[in-house]
Amino acid sequence: QVQLVESGGGLAQPGGSLRLSCAASGFTFSSYGMSWARQAPGKGLEWVSSIDNDVSVTYYADSVKGRFTISRDNAKSTLYLQINSLKPEDTALYYCARDLTGWGEYDYWGQGTQVTVSS
């Protein structure tokens, strides 16, 4: 069965960095675009970044552009999100998701990894 397992979250100081990972299994990872989204306390789900299946195209929300980098290792079936210059407003539960069609139709989500930015 399809599984997406995020890791790498934690407590970090403003200005710090974290690298999130999403280990995928149960499907041919290299055939699907993947995305990260986040949900801050008391707020709705926010799309953060996407990457296509062959690593040729990436997309970012304006709020994270220049600070976040999405990448993937298809040989390891793993998606990454490098987060630099952390801000308190980056505090959220971060999810990875599989894009079924390549057009933002997500059919599987991980359980999330918590990122807390605080001094």
C-alpha atoms as a PDB file:
ATOM      1  CA  GLN A   1       0.000   0.000   0.000  1.00  0.00           C
ATOM      2  CA  VAL A   2       1.043   3.581  -0.553  1.00  0.00           C
ATOM      3  CA  GLN A   3       2.856   5.115   2.383  1.00  0.00           C
ATOM      4  CA  LEU A   4       4.391   8.548   2.857  1.00  0.00           C
ATOM      5  CA  VAL A   5       6.365   9.077   6.052  1.00  0.00           C
ATOM      6  CA  GLU A   6       7.726  12.506   6.906  1.00  0.00           C
ATOM      7  CA  SER A   7      10.608  13.158   9.267  1.00  0.00           C
ATOM      8  CA  GLY A   8      13.119  15.846  10.143  1.00  0.00           C
ATOM      9  CA  GLY A   9      10.909  18.318  11.916  1.00  0.00           C
ATOM     10  CA  GLY A  10      11.683  19.755  15.306  1.00  0.00           C
ATOM     11  CA  LEU A  11      12.354  22.893  17.279  1.00  0.00           C
ATOM     12  CA  ALA A  12      14.618  25.439  15.612  1.00  0.00           C
ATOM     13  CA  GLN A  13      15.615  29.020  16.234  1.00  0.00           C
ATOM     14  CA  PRO A  14      14.737  31.874  13.907  1.00  0.00           C
ATOM     15  CA  GLY A  15      17.319  32.029  11.166  1.00  0.00           C
ATOM     16  CA  GLY A  16      18.107  28.365  11.498  1.00  0.00           C
ATOM     17  CA  SER A  17      17.649  25.510   9.069  1.00  0.00           C
ATOM     18  CA  LEU A  18      15.910  22.174   8.899  1.00  0.00           C
ATOM     19  CA  ARG A  19      15.751  19.443   6.284  1.00  0.00           C
ATOM     20  CA  LEU A  20      12.519  17.536   6.027  1.00  0.00           C
ATOM     21  CA  SER A  21      12.312  14.127   4.404  1.00  0.00           C
ATOM     22  CA  CYS A  22       9.399  12.123   3.063  1.00  0.00           C
ATOM     23  CA  ALA A  23      10.035   8.432   2.529  1.00  0.00           C
ATOM     24  CA  ALA A  24       7.688   6.926  -0.034  1.00  0.00           C
ATOM     25  CA  SER A  25       6.778   3.295  -0.537  1.00  0.00           C
ATOM     26  CA  GLY A  26       4.148   1.150  -2.210  1.00  0.00           C
ATOM     27  CA  PHE A  27       4.256   2.872  -5.594  1.00  0.00           C
ATOM     28  CA  THR A  28       6.656   3.858  -8.373  1.00  0.00           C
ATOM     29  CA  PHE A  29       7.940   7.081  -6.846  1.00  0.00           C
ATOM     30  CA  SER A  30       9.613   8.311 -10.026  1.00  0.00           C
ATOM     31  CA  SER A  31       6.280   8.352 -11.866  1.00  0.00           C
ATOM     32  CA  TYR A  32       4.625  11.008  -9.724  1.00  0.00           C
ATOM     33  CA  GLY A  33       4.985  14.653  -8.960  1.00  0.00           C
ATOM     34  CA  MET A  34       5.207  15.382  -5.266  1.00  0.00           C
ATOM     35  CA  SER A  35       4.427  18.340  -3.063  1.00  0.00           C
ATOM     36  CA  TRP A  36       4.821  19.772   0.398  1.00  0.00           C
ATOM     37  CA  ALA A  37       2.049  21.588   2.236  1.00  0.00           C
ATOM     38  CA  ARG A  38       1.779  22.924   5.760  1.00  0.00           C
ATOM     39  CA  GLN A  39      -0.829  23.789   8.339  1.00  0.00           C
ATOM     40  CA  ALA A  40      -0.085  26.381  10.961  1.00  0.00           C
ATOM     41  CA  PRO A  41      -1.954  26.353  14.275  1.00  0.00           C
ATOM     42  CA  GLY A  42      -5.487  27.619  13.759  1.00  0.00           C
ATOM     43  CA  LYS A  43      -5.052  28.069  10.009  1.00  0.00           C
ATOM     44  CA  GLY A  44      -5.928  26.179   6.880  1.00  0.00           C
ATOM     45  CA  LEU A  45      -3.716  24.008   4.745  1.00  0.00           C
ATOM     46  CA  GLU A  46      -1.173  25.992   2.716  1.00  0.00           C
ATOM     47  CA  TRP A  47       0.565  24.610  -0.357  1.00  0.00           C
ATOM     48  CA  VAL A  48       4.326  25.172  -0.069  1.00  0.00           C
ATOM     49  CA  SER A  49       6.175  23.594  -2.962  1.00  0.00           C
ATOM     50  CA  SER A  50       5.964  21.027  -5.744  1.00  0.00           C
ATOM     51  CA  ILE A  51       8.388  19.089  -7.899  1.00  0.00           C
ATOM     52  CA  ASP A  52       7.633  17.116 -11.007  1.00  0.00           C
ATOM     53  CA  ASN A  53       8.463  13.446 -11.364  1.00  0.00           C
ATOM     54  CA  ASP A  54      11.746  13.825 -13.242  1.00  0.00           C
ATOM     55  CA  VAL A  55      13.103  16.716 -11.173  1.00  0.00           C
ATOM     56  CA  SER A  56      12.991  19.148 -14.062  1.00  0.00           C
ATOM     57  CA  VAL A  57      10.505  21.654 -12.653  1.00  0.00           C
ATOM     58  CA  THR A  58       9.932  23.051  -9.181  1.00  0.00           C
ATOM     59  CA  TYR A  59       7.356  25.476  -7.840  1.00  0.00           C
ATOM     60  CA  TYR A  60       7.210  27.509  -4.643  1.00  0.00           C
ATOM     61  CA  ALA A  61       4.701  29.592  -2.764  1.00  0.00           C
ATOM     62  CA  ASP A  62       5.702  33.242  -2.634  1.00  0.00           C
ATOM     63  CA  SER A  63       5.932  33.025   1.146  1.00  0.00           C
ATOM     64  CA  VAL A  64       8.819  30.537   0.973  1.00  0.00           C
ATOM     65  CA  LYS A  65      10.524  31.392  -2.313  1.00  0.00           C
ATOM     66  CA  GLY A  66      14.249  31.887  -1.828  1.00  0.00           C
ATOM     67  CA  ARG A  67      14.287  30.131   1.555  1.00  0.00           C
ATOM     68  CA  PHE A  68      12.896  26.671   0.790  1.00  0.00           C
ATOM     69  CA  THR A  69      14.294  24.148  -1.675  1.00  0.00           C
ATOM     70  CA  ILE A  70      12.397  21.075  -2.755  1.00  0.00           C
ATOM     71  CA  SER A  71      14.270  18.102  -4.132  1.00  0.00           C
ATOM     72  CA  ARG A  72      13.881  14.377  -4.596  1.00  0.00           C
ATOM     73  CA  ASP A  73      15.990  11.270  -4.941  1.00  0.00           C
ATOM     74  CA  ASN A  74      14.076   8.871  -7.125  1.00  0.00           C
ATOM     75  CA  ALA A  75      16.577   6.089  -6.469  1.00  0.00           C
ATOM     76  CA  LYS A  76      15.788   6.351  -2.753  1.00  0.00           C
ATOM     77  CA  SER A  77      12.067   7.137  -3.211  1.00  0.00           C
ATOM     78  CA  THR A  78      12.517  10.141  -0.974  1.00  0.00           C
ATOM     79  CA  LEU A  79      11.309  13.730  -1.172  1.00  0.00           C
ATOM     80  CA  TYR A  80      13.101  16.534   0.639  1.00  0.00           C
ATOM     81  CA  LEU A  81      12.424  20.072   1.747  1.00  0.00           C
ATOM     82  CA  GLN A  82      15.387  22.176   2.798  1.00  0.00           C
ATOM     83  CA  ILE A  83      14.219  25.075   4.921  1.00  0.00           C
ATOM     84  CA  ASN A  84      16.627  27.932   5.526  1.00  0.00           C
ATOM     85  CA  SER A  85      16.297  31.287   7.271  1.00  0.00           C
ATOM     86  CA  LEU A  86      13.487  29.951   9.417  1.00  0.00           C
ATOM     87  CA  LYS A  87      10.860  32.395  10.627  1.00  0.00           C
ATOM     88  CA  PRO A  88       8.355  32.007  13.472  1.00  0.00           C
ATOM     89  CA  GLU A  89       5.602  32.024  10.854  1.00  0.00           C
ATOM     90  CA  ASP A  90       7.060  28.815   9.394  1.00  0.00           C
ATOM     91  CA  THR A  91       5.791  27.011  12.497  1.00  0.00           C
ATOM     92  CA  ALA A  92       3.399  24.382  11.182  1.00  0.00           C
ATOM     93  CA  LEU A  93       2.753  20.720  10.594  1.00  0.00           C
ATOM     94  CA  TYR A  94       4.404  19.886   7.280  1.00  0.00           C
ATOM     95  CA  TYR A  95       2.923  17.242   5.012  1.00  0.00           C
ATOM     96  CA  CYS A  96       4.129  15.590   1.841  1.00  0.00           C
ATOM     97  CA  ALA A  97       1.616  14.504  -0.752  1.00  0.00           C
ATOM     98  CA  ARG A  98       1.512  12.530  -3.985  1.00  0.00           C
ATOM     99  CA  ASP A  99       0.136  14.327  -7.014  1.00  0.00           C
ATOM    100  CA  LEU A 100      -2.050  11.849  -8.868  1.00  0.00           C
ATOM    101  CA  THR A 101      -2.371  13.784 -12.121  1.00  0.00           C
ATOM    102  CA  GLY A 102       0.451  16.316 -12.052  1.00  0.00           C
ATOM    103  CA  TRP A 103      -2.127  19.077 -11.735  1.00  0.00           C
ATOM    104  CA  GLY A 104      -2.392  19.389  -7.973  1.00  0.00           C
ATOM    105  CA  GLU A 105      -4.777  16.513  -7.357  1.00  0.00           C
ATOM    106  CA  TYR A 106      -3.353  14.870  -4.254  1.00  0.00           C
ATOM    107  CA  ASP A 107      -4.427  11.353  -3.464  1.00  0.00           C
ATOM    108  CA  TYR A 108      -2.085  10.340  -0.649  1.00  0.00           C
ATOM    109  CA  TRP A 109      -0.734  12.318   2.292  1.00  0.00           C
ATOM    110  CA  GLY A 110       1.752  11.593   5.005  1.00  0.00           C
ATOM    111  CA  GLN A 111       1.035  12.018   8.697  1.00  0.00           C
ATOM    112  CA  GLY A 112       3.066  15.212   8.936  1.00  0.00           C
ATOM    113  CA  THR A 113       6.156  16.382  10.767  1.00  0.00           C
ATOM    114  CA  GLN A 114       6.030  19.320  13.172  1.00  0.00           C
ATOM    115  CA  VAL A 115       8.276  22.333  12.660  1.00  0.00           C
ATOM    116  CA  THR A 116       8.399  24.838  15.489  1.00  0.00           C
ATOM    117  CA  VAL A 117      10.421  28.022  15.142  1.00  0.00           C
ATOM    118  CA  SER A 118      11.039  29.801  18.406  1.00  0.00           C
ATOM    119  CA  SER A 119      13.840  31.452  20.301  1.00  0.00           C
END
